[in-house]
Structure formats: C-alpha cells, structure tokens
Amino acid sequence: MCAQVYIMVQVSARVGSHKSVKRVDVALLMANSCGKYIA
C-alpha cells in the first residue's frame, strides 16, 4: 500500500510539478498513513 502511494506521489510530482501545494498535501498524507515506510 505504502509503496503504491509512494509511486503515485512520484508520478504526480512529474506530471504536475507546478502544483507544489498539492504535492505537499500528498506528502503529508503519505507521512501520516505510512510514517514507517518513509523513515
């Protein structure tokens, strides 16, 4: 699950690099749902 979310974040970061705010929101959401995966 966390790996899929991480891949989605990477793809969205490349597709919409101008949407930095959304990237931050997704990063925070990912950190909340899988903190161990990031650490």
N, C-alpha and C. Protein backbone atom coordinates (compact mmCIF):
# COMPACT_ATOMS: atom_id res chain seq x y z
N MET A 1 0.83 -1.20 0.00
CA MET A 1 0.00 0.00 0.00
C MET A 1 0.87 1.25 0.00
N CYS A 2 1.80 1.29 0.92
CA CYS A 2 2.66 2.47 1.02
C CYS A 2 3.51 2.63 -0.23
N ALA A 3 3.98 1.51 -0.77
CA ALA A 3 4.80 1.57 -1.98
C ALA A 3 4.00 2.14 -3.13
N GLN A 4 2.73 1.74 -3.24
CA GLN A 4 1.88 2.25 -4.31
C GLN A 4 1.66 3.75 -4.14
N VAL A 5 1.45 4.18 -2.92
CA VAL A 5 1.26 5.61 -2.65
C VAL A 5 2.52 6.38 -3.02
N TYR A 6 3.67 5.83 -2.68
CA TYR A 6 4.94 6.49 -2.99
C TYR A 6 5.11 6.65 -4.49
N ILE A 7 4.77 5.60 -5.25
CA ILE A 7 4.87 5.66 -6.71
C ILE A 7 3.91 6.71 -7.25
N MET A 8 2.70 6.75 -6.71
CA MET A 8 1.72 7.74 -7.15
C MET A 8 2.23 9.15 -6.92
N VAL A 9 2.90 9.36 -5.80
CA VAL A 9 3.45 10.68 -5.49
C VAL A 9 4.54 11.04 -6.49
N GLN A 10 5.40 10.07 -6.81
CA GLN A 10 6.47 10.32 -7.78
C GLN A 10 5.90 10.68 -9.14
N VAL A 11 4.88 9.94 -9.58
CA VAL A 11 4.26 10.20 -10.88
C VAL A 11 3.58 11.56 -10.88
N SER A 12 2.82 11.87 -9.83
CA SER A 12 2.11 13.14 -9.76
C SER A 12 3.10 14.30 -9.69
N ALA A 13 4.26 14.08 -9.06
CA ALA A 13 5.27 15.13 -8.97
C ALA A 13 5.83 15.45 -10.35
N ARG A 14 5.93 14.43 -11.21
CA ARG A 14 6.46 14.66 -12.55
C ARG A 14 5.40 15.26 -13.46
N VAL A 15 4.16 14.76 -13.32
CA VAL A 15 3.07 15.23 -14.20
C VAL A 15 2.69 16.67 -13.87
N GLY A 16 2.55 16.98 -12.59
CA GLY A 16 2.14 18.33 -12.21
C GLY A 16 3.14 18.97 -11.27
N SER A 17 4.32 19.25 -11.76
CA SER A 17 5.37 19.83 -10.92
C SER A 17 5.01 21.24 -10.48
N HIS A 18 4.09 21.90 -11.21
CA HIS A 18 3.70 23.26 -10.86
C HIS A 18 2.70 23.28 -9.71
N LYS A 19 2.16 22.12 -9.37
CA LYS A 19 1.20 22.05 -8.26
C LYS A 19 1.94 21.64 -6.99
N SER A 20 2.83 22.51 -6.53
CA SER A 20 3.67 22.17 -5.38
C SER A 20 2.84 22.02 -4.11
N VAL A 21 1.76 22.80 -4.01
CA VAL A 21 0.94 22.74 -2.80
C VAL A 21 0.29 21.37 -2.68
N LYS A 22 -0.23 20.86 -3.80
CA LYS A 22 -0.86 19.54 -3.76
C LYS A 22 0.18 18.48 -3.43
N ARG A 23 1.38 18.63 -3.94
CA ARG A 23 2.43 17.66 -3.65
C ARG A 23 2.73 17.63 -2.16
N VAL A 24 2.72 18.79 -1.54
CA VAL A 24 2.97 18.86 -0.10
C VAL A 24 1.85 18.16 0.66
N ASP A 25 0.60 18.40 0.22
CA ASP A 25 -0.54 17.76 0.87
C ASP A 25 -0.43 16.24 0.76
N VAL A 26 -0.09 15.76 -0.41
CA VAL A 26 0.05 14.32 -0.62
C VAL A 26 1.18 13.77 0.23
N ALA A 27 2.27 14.52 0.32
CA ALA A 27 3.41 14.07 1.12
C ALA A 27 3.02 13.96 2.59
N LEU A 28 2.26 14.94 3.06
CA LEU A 28 1.81 14.90 4.46
C LEU A 28 0.87 13.74 4.69
N LEU A 29 -0.02 13.51 3.72
CA LEU A 29 -0.96 12.39 3.85
C LEU A 29 -0.21 11.07 3.87
N MET A 30 0.80 10.95 3.02
CA MET A 30 1.59 9.73 2.96
C MET A 30 2.36 9.55 4.27
N ALA A 31 2.86 10.65 4.82
CA ALA A 31 3.61 10.58 6.07
C ALA A 31 2.70 10.13 7.21
N ASN A 32 1.44 10.58 7.18
CA ASN A 32 0.50 10.20 8.24
C ASN A 32 0.10 8.74 8.12
N SER A 33 -0.09 8.25 6.88
CA SER A 33 -0.57 6.89 6.69
C SER A 33 0.56 5.86 6.76
N CYS A 34 1.75 6.22 6.31
CA CYS A 34 2.86 5.25 6.37
C CYS A 34 4.14 5.93 6.82
N GLY A 35 4.18 6.37 8.05
CA GLY A 35 5.36 7.04 8.57
C GLY A 35 6.57 6.11 8.60
N LYS A 36 6.34 4.84 8.89
CA LYS A 36 7.44 3.89 8.98
C LYS A 36 8.09 3.68 7.61
N TYR A 37 7.26 3.72 6.55
CA TYR A 37 7.80 3.48 5.21
C TYR A 37 8.75 4.60 4.81
N ILE A 38 8.38 5.84 5.16
CA ILE A 38 9.23 6.98 4.81
C ILE A 38 10.51 6.96 5.64
N ALA A 39 10.36 6.67 6.93
CA ALA A 39 11.51 6.67 7.82
C ALA A 39 12.44 5.52 7.46
